[in-house]
Amino acid sequence: MNNSELADLYMKLSMRYEEEFPVECGFEIATKERMNMIDKIRVGSLSNKDIRTIDPIFSYGNVDISDHIKPKKRFLFF
């Protein structure tokens, strides 16, 4: 599955997930966060935190996200 297909799947699953588990932060904020996450998935620039955030949504659709996405590696030089 490529990044574009994963982004489309995330969009579908997140809509179904929110029907069952409504968000409390409001529709506008939730929509902006979803669109931001879709852009990150398409580009392939997800951090570990992002993956932990979207993991329940993909698990809801019986998809193991760790099989499809690896977190972006960050290099810190001291």
N, C-alpha and C. Protein backbone atom coordinates (compact mmCIF):
# COMPACT_ATOMS: atom_id res chain seq x y z
N MET A 1 0.84 -1.17 0.00
CA MET A 1 0.00 0.00 0.00
C MET A 1 0.90 1.24 0.00
N ASN A 2 0.67 2.16 -0.91
CA ASN A 2 1.50 3.37 -0.96
C ASN A 2 0.92 4.46 -0.06
N ASN A 3 1.63 5.57 0.04
CA ASN A 3 1.23 6.64 0.96
C ASN A 3 -0.11 7.25 0.59
N SER A 4 -0.38 7.40 -0.68
CA SER A 4 -1.65 7.97 -1.12
C SER A 4 -2.83 7.07 -0.75
N GLU A 5 -2.65 5.78 -0.93
CA GLU A 5 -3.70 4.82 -0.56
C GLU A 5 -3.91 4.81 0.95
N LEU A 6 -2.81 4.92 1.71
CA LEU A 6 -2.93 4.98 3.17
C LEU A 6 -3.66 6.24 3.61
N ALA A 7 -3.38 7.36 2.95
CA ALA A 7 -4.06 8.61 3.29
C ALA A 7 -5.56 8.50 3.01
N ASP A 8 -5.93 7.91 1.89
CA ASP A 8 -7.34 7.71 1.57
C ASP A 8 -8.01 6.78 2.58
N LEU A 9 -7.31 5.72 2.95
CA LEU A 9 -7.84 4.78 3.94
C LEU A 9 -8.00 5.47 5.29
N TYR A 10 -7.02 6.29 5.66
CA TYR A 10 -7.10 7.04 6.92
C TYR A 10 -8.33 7.94 6.92
N MET A 11 -8.60 8.61 5.81
CA MET A 11 -9.75 9.50 5.73
C MET A 11 -11.05 8.72 5.95
N LYS A 12 -11.18 7.59 5.29
CA LYS A 12 -12.40 6.77 5.43
C LYS A 12 -12.55 6.23 6.85
N LEU A 13 -11.46 5.68 7.38
CA LEU A 13 -11.52 5.10 8.72
C LEU A 13 -11.74 6.16 9.79
N SER A 14 -11.15 7.34 9.62
CA SER A 14 -11.32 8.38 10.64
C SER A 14 -12.76 8.87 10.69
N MET A 15 -13.41 8.93 9.54
CA MET A 15 -14.83 9.33 9.52
C MET A 15 -15.69 8.30 10.24
N ARG A 16 -15.45 7.02 9.97
CA ARG A 16 -16.21 5.96 10.66
C ARG A 16 -15.89 5.94 12.15
N TYR A 17 -14.61 6.14 12.48
CA TYR A 17 -14.17 6.13 13.88
C TYR A 17 -14.84 7.26 14.66
N GLU A 18 -14.93 8.44 14.05
CA GLU A 18 -15.55 9.58 14.74
C GLU A 18 -17.05 9.43 14.87
N GLU A 19 -17.68 8.67 13.99
CA GLU A 19 -19.11 8.40 14.16
C GLU A 19 -19.35 7.60 15.43
N GLU A 20 -18.46 6.65 15.69
CA GLU A 20 -18.60 5.80 16.86
C GLU A 20 -18.04 6.44 18.13
N PHE A 21 -16.95 7.19 17.98
CA PHE A 21 -16.30 7.85 19.11
C PHE A 21 -16.19 9.35 18.80
N PRO A 22 -17.23 10.13 19.07
CA PRO A 22 -17.23 11.55 18.70
C PRO A 22 -16.11 12.32 19.40
N VAL A 23 -15.61 13.34 18.70
CA VAL A 23 -14.56 14.19 19.26
C VAL A 23 -15.20 15.31 20.07
N GLU A 24 -14.48 15.79 21.06
CA GLU A 24 -15.00 16.83 21.93
C GLU A 24 -14.43 18.20 21.60
N CYS A 25 -13.45 18.28 20.71
CA CYS A 25 -12.76 19.55 20.47
C CYS A 25 -13.46 20.41 19.43
N GLY A 26 -14.49 19.92 18.83
CA GLY A 26 -15.20 20.70 17.82
C GLY A 26 -14.87 20.24 16.42
N PHE A 27 -15.81 20.46 15.54
CA PHE A 27 -15.70 19.97 14.17
C PHE A 27 -14.56 20.65 13.40
N GLU A 28 -14.42 21.97 13.54
CA GLU A 28 -13.42 22.69 12.76
C GLU A 28 -11.99 22.27 13.14
N ILE A 29 -11.73 22.15 14.42
CA ILE A 29 -10.39 21.75 14.88
C ILE A 29 -10.09 20.31 14.45
N ALA A 30 -11.07 19.43 14.61
CA ALA A 30 -10.88 18.02 14.24
C ALA A 30 -10.62 17.89 12.74
N THR A 31 -11.32 18.69 11.94
CA THR A 31 -11.13 18.64 10.49
C THR A 31 -9.74 19.13 10.10
N LYS A 32 -9.28 20.20 10.73
CA LYS A 32 -7.94 20.72 10.43
C LYS A 32 -6.87 19.70 10.81
N GLU A 33 -7.03 19.06 11.96
CA GLU A 33 -6.06 18.05 12.39
C GLU A 33 -6.07 16.85 11.45
N ARG A 34 -7.25 16.44 11.00
CA ARG A 34 -7.35 15.32 10.07
C ARG A 34 -6.67 15.65 8.75
N MET A 35 -6.91 16.84 8.22
CA MET A 35 -6.30 17.24 6.96
C MET A 35 -4.78 17.35 7.09
N ASN A 36 -4.30 17.83 8.22
CA ASN A 36 -2.86 17.91 8.47
C ASN A 36 -2.25 16.51 8.49
N MET A 37 -2.93 15.58 9.14
CA MET A 37 -2.42 14.21 9.22
C MET A 37 -2.46 13.54 7.85
N ILE A 38 -3.47 13.80 7.04
CA ILE A 38 -3.55 13.24 5.69
C ILE A 38 -2.38 13.74 4.85
N ASP A 39 -2.07 15.02 4.98
CA ASP A 39 -0.92 15.57 4.24
C ASP A 39 0.38 14.90 4.68
N LYS A 40 0.55 14.69 5.98
CA LYS A 40 1.76 14.03 6.48
C LYS A 40 1.86 12.60 5.97
N ILE A 41 0.75 11.89 5.91
CA ILE A 41 0.75 10.51 5.42
C ILE A 41 1.13 10.48 3.95
N ARG A 42 0.54 11.38 3.15
CA ARG A 42 0.84 11.41 1.72
C ARG A 42 2.30 11.70 1.45
N VAL A 43 2.89 12.61 2.23
CA VAL A 43 4.29 12.97 2.03
C VAL A 43 5.22 11.92 2.63
N GLY A 44 4.73 11.19 3.63
CA GLY A 44 5.54 10.17 4.28
C GLY A 44 6.43 10.73 5.37
N SER A 45 5.97 11.78 6.04
CA SER A 45 6.78 12.43 7.07
C SER A 45 6.15 12.31 8.45
N LEU A 46 5.77 11.10 8.82
CA LEU A 46 5.15 10.89 10.12
C LEU A 46 6.20 10.64 11.19
N SER A 47 6.01 11.27 12.33
CA SER A 47 6.89 11.04 13.47
C SER A 47 6.31 9.89 14.31
N ASN A 48 7.05 9.47 15.31
CA ASN A 48 6.54 8.43 16.21
C ASN A 48 5.25 8.89 16.88
N LYS A 49 5.19 10.15 17.27
CA LYS A 49 3.99 10.69 17.91
C LYS A 49 2.80 10.64 16.96
N ASP A 50 3.01 10.99 15.70
CA ASP A 50 1.94 10.93 14.70
C ASP A 50 1.43 9.50 14.53
N ILE A 51 2.35 8.57 14.48
CA ILE A 51 1.97 7.16 14.31
C ILE A 51 1.16 6.68 15.51
N ARG A 52 1.57 7.07 16.71
CA ARG A 52 0.79 6.71 17.91
C ARG A 52 -0.60 7.34 17.87
N THR A 53 -0.71 8.52 17.28
CA THR A 53 -2.00 9.21 17.19
C THR A 53 -2.94 8.50 16.22
N ILE A 54 -2.42 8.06 15.08
CA ILE A 54 -3.30 7.44 14.07
C ILE A 54 -3.46 5.94 14.25
N ASP A 55 -2.66 5.33 15.09
CA ASP A 55 -2.72 3.88 15.28
C ASP A 55 -4.10 3.38 15.70
N PRO A 56 -4.80 4.03 16.64
CA PRO A 56 -6.14 3.52 17.00
C PRO A 56 -7.13 3.55 15.84
N ILE A 57 -6.99 4.52 14.96
CA ILE A 57 -7.91 4.62 13.82
C ILE A 57 -7.67 3.48 12.84
N PHE A 58 -6.39 3.19 12.56
CA PHE A 58 -6.10 2.07 11.66
C PHE A 58 -6.42 0.73 12.33
N SER A 59 -6.19 0.63 13.63
CA SER A 59 -6.55 -0.59 14.35
C SER A 59 -8.06 -0.83 14.30
N TYR A 60 -8.83 0.25 14.35
CA TYR A 60 -10.28 0.17 14.22
C TYR A 60 -10.67 -0.49 12.90
N GLY A 61 -9.87 -0.26 11.85
CA GLY A 61 -10.12 -0.87 10.55
C GLY A 61 -9.34 -2.15 10.33
N ASN A 62 -8.79 -2.73 11.41
CA ASN A 62 -8.01 -3.97 11.36
C ASN A 62 -6.79 -3.86 10.43
N VAL A 63 -6.11 -2.70 10.48
CA VAL A 63 -4.90 -2.48 9.70
C VAL A 63 -3.76 -2.19 10.67
N ASP A 64 -2.68 -2.95 10.55
CA ASP A 64 -1.50 -2.70 11.39
C ASP A 64 -0.64 -1.66 10.68
N ILE A 65 -0.68 -0.44 11.17
CA ILE A 65 0.01 0.68 10.52
C ILE A 65 1.52 0.47 10.49
N SER A 66 2.07 -0.25 11.46
CA SER A 66 3.52 -0.45 11.50
C SER A 66 4.00 -1.32 10.33
N ASP A 67 3.10 -2.06 9.69
CA ASP A 67 3.47 -2.84 8.51
C ASP A 67 3.65 -1.96 7.27
N HIS A 68 3.05 -0.76 7.30
CA HIS A 68 3.02 0.09 6.11
C HIS A 68 3.86 1.36 6.24
N ILE A 69 4.03 1.86 7.46
CA ILE A 69 4.72 3.13 7.66
C ILE A 69 5.82 2.97 8.70
N LYS A 70 6.95 3.53 8.38
CA LYS A 70 8.05 3.61 9.34
C LYS A 70 8.20 5.07 9.73
N PRO A 71 8.45 5.35 11.01
CA PRO A 71 8.57 6.75 11.42
C PRO A 71 9.79 7.42 10.80
N LYS A 72 9.64 8.71 10.59
CA LYS A 72 10.75 9.50 10.04
C LYS A 72 11.85 9.55 11.09
N LYS A 73 13.07 9.24 10.68
CA LYS A 73 14.20 9.25 11.61
C LYS A 73 14.68 10.68 11.79
N ARG A 74 14.94 11.00 13.04
CA ARG A 74 15.46 12.32 13.35
C ARG A 74 16.87 12.16 13.89
N PHE A 75 17.74 12.98 13.39
CA PHE A 75 19.13 12.92 13.84
C PHE A 75 19.42 14.15 14.68
N LEU A 76 19.93 13.91 15.86
CA LEU A 76 20.30 15.01 16.75
C LEU A 76 21.81 14.97 16.93
N PHE A 77 22.41 16.07 16.71
CA PHE A 77 23.86 16.19 16.91
C PHE A 77 24.12 17.08 18.11
N PHE A 78 24.92 16.59 19.02
CA PHE A 78 25.26 17.38 20.21
C PHE A 78 26.68 17.82 20.16
